[in-house]
Amino acid sequence: MPTPSQLLPEADRDLLRILCCVAWSDGDFAAEEKQLLQRLVATYFLPEVDPLRAADTAEALADEAMQMEGIEELVQRLQTEADRQLALKLAFMMIRVSTSPGDASSINPMERVAYRRLVEALGLGEAKVQECEWAAEQELRQHSGLRGILASRFEWLGAWPSQELLETPGMQWL
């Protein structure tokens, strides 16, 4: 039986390794980072995996990804501009989901350093960096608060109404 990473194309494995580099740069893989990794695996890497098994799959992929090269080497293997932008967006999401106790900033300082290294290695212009960070913030907001938590936990039950639908005037609720 193939390992979880063998289910992924090489480019996706490199993206996952980049995320793990950023997440582990402070020496801690926080629970929030694990939850985000699980959601990203289910959304971007293996959407066909049973959501109930996504946590195990994400953990196995993270364990495999820990045998990794440096960020610069991984970035060199990214083939397209879209892959570079996705790497930046997902890495920004990873550094935003958790902070260590006593951190003065919303971003862990060691993870910020790893993220800066990634930004430099990717060589994207400032406008693209800002665009990727904005997109990451929007995606994180979708999964925050009670609605986001419930949606992420129970999305396997079927479609959830979008925020737009929830805010539609005159919407009938059961």
Foldseek 3Di string as FASTA:
>chain_A
DDQLCVVFDPLVLLLLLLLLCLCCLVVDNDPQLLLLLLVCCCPPTCVPDDNVCSSVSSVRSSVVSVPDDALLVSLVPNDDPVSLLVSLLSNLLSQQRDEDPPDPDSGHPSSVVSSVVSCVSNPDDPVSNVVSNVVSVVVVVCLDDPVNVVCSVPVSVDDDDDPVQVPDPPDDDD
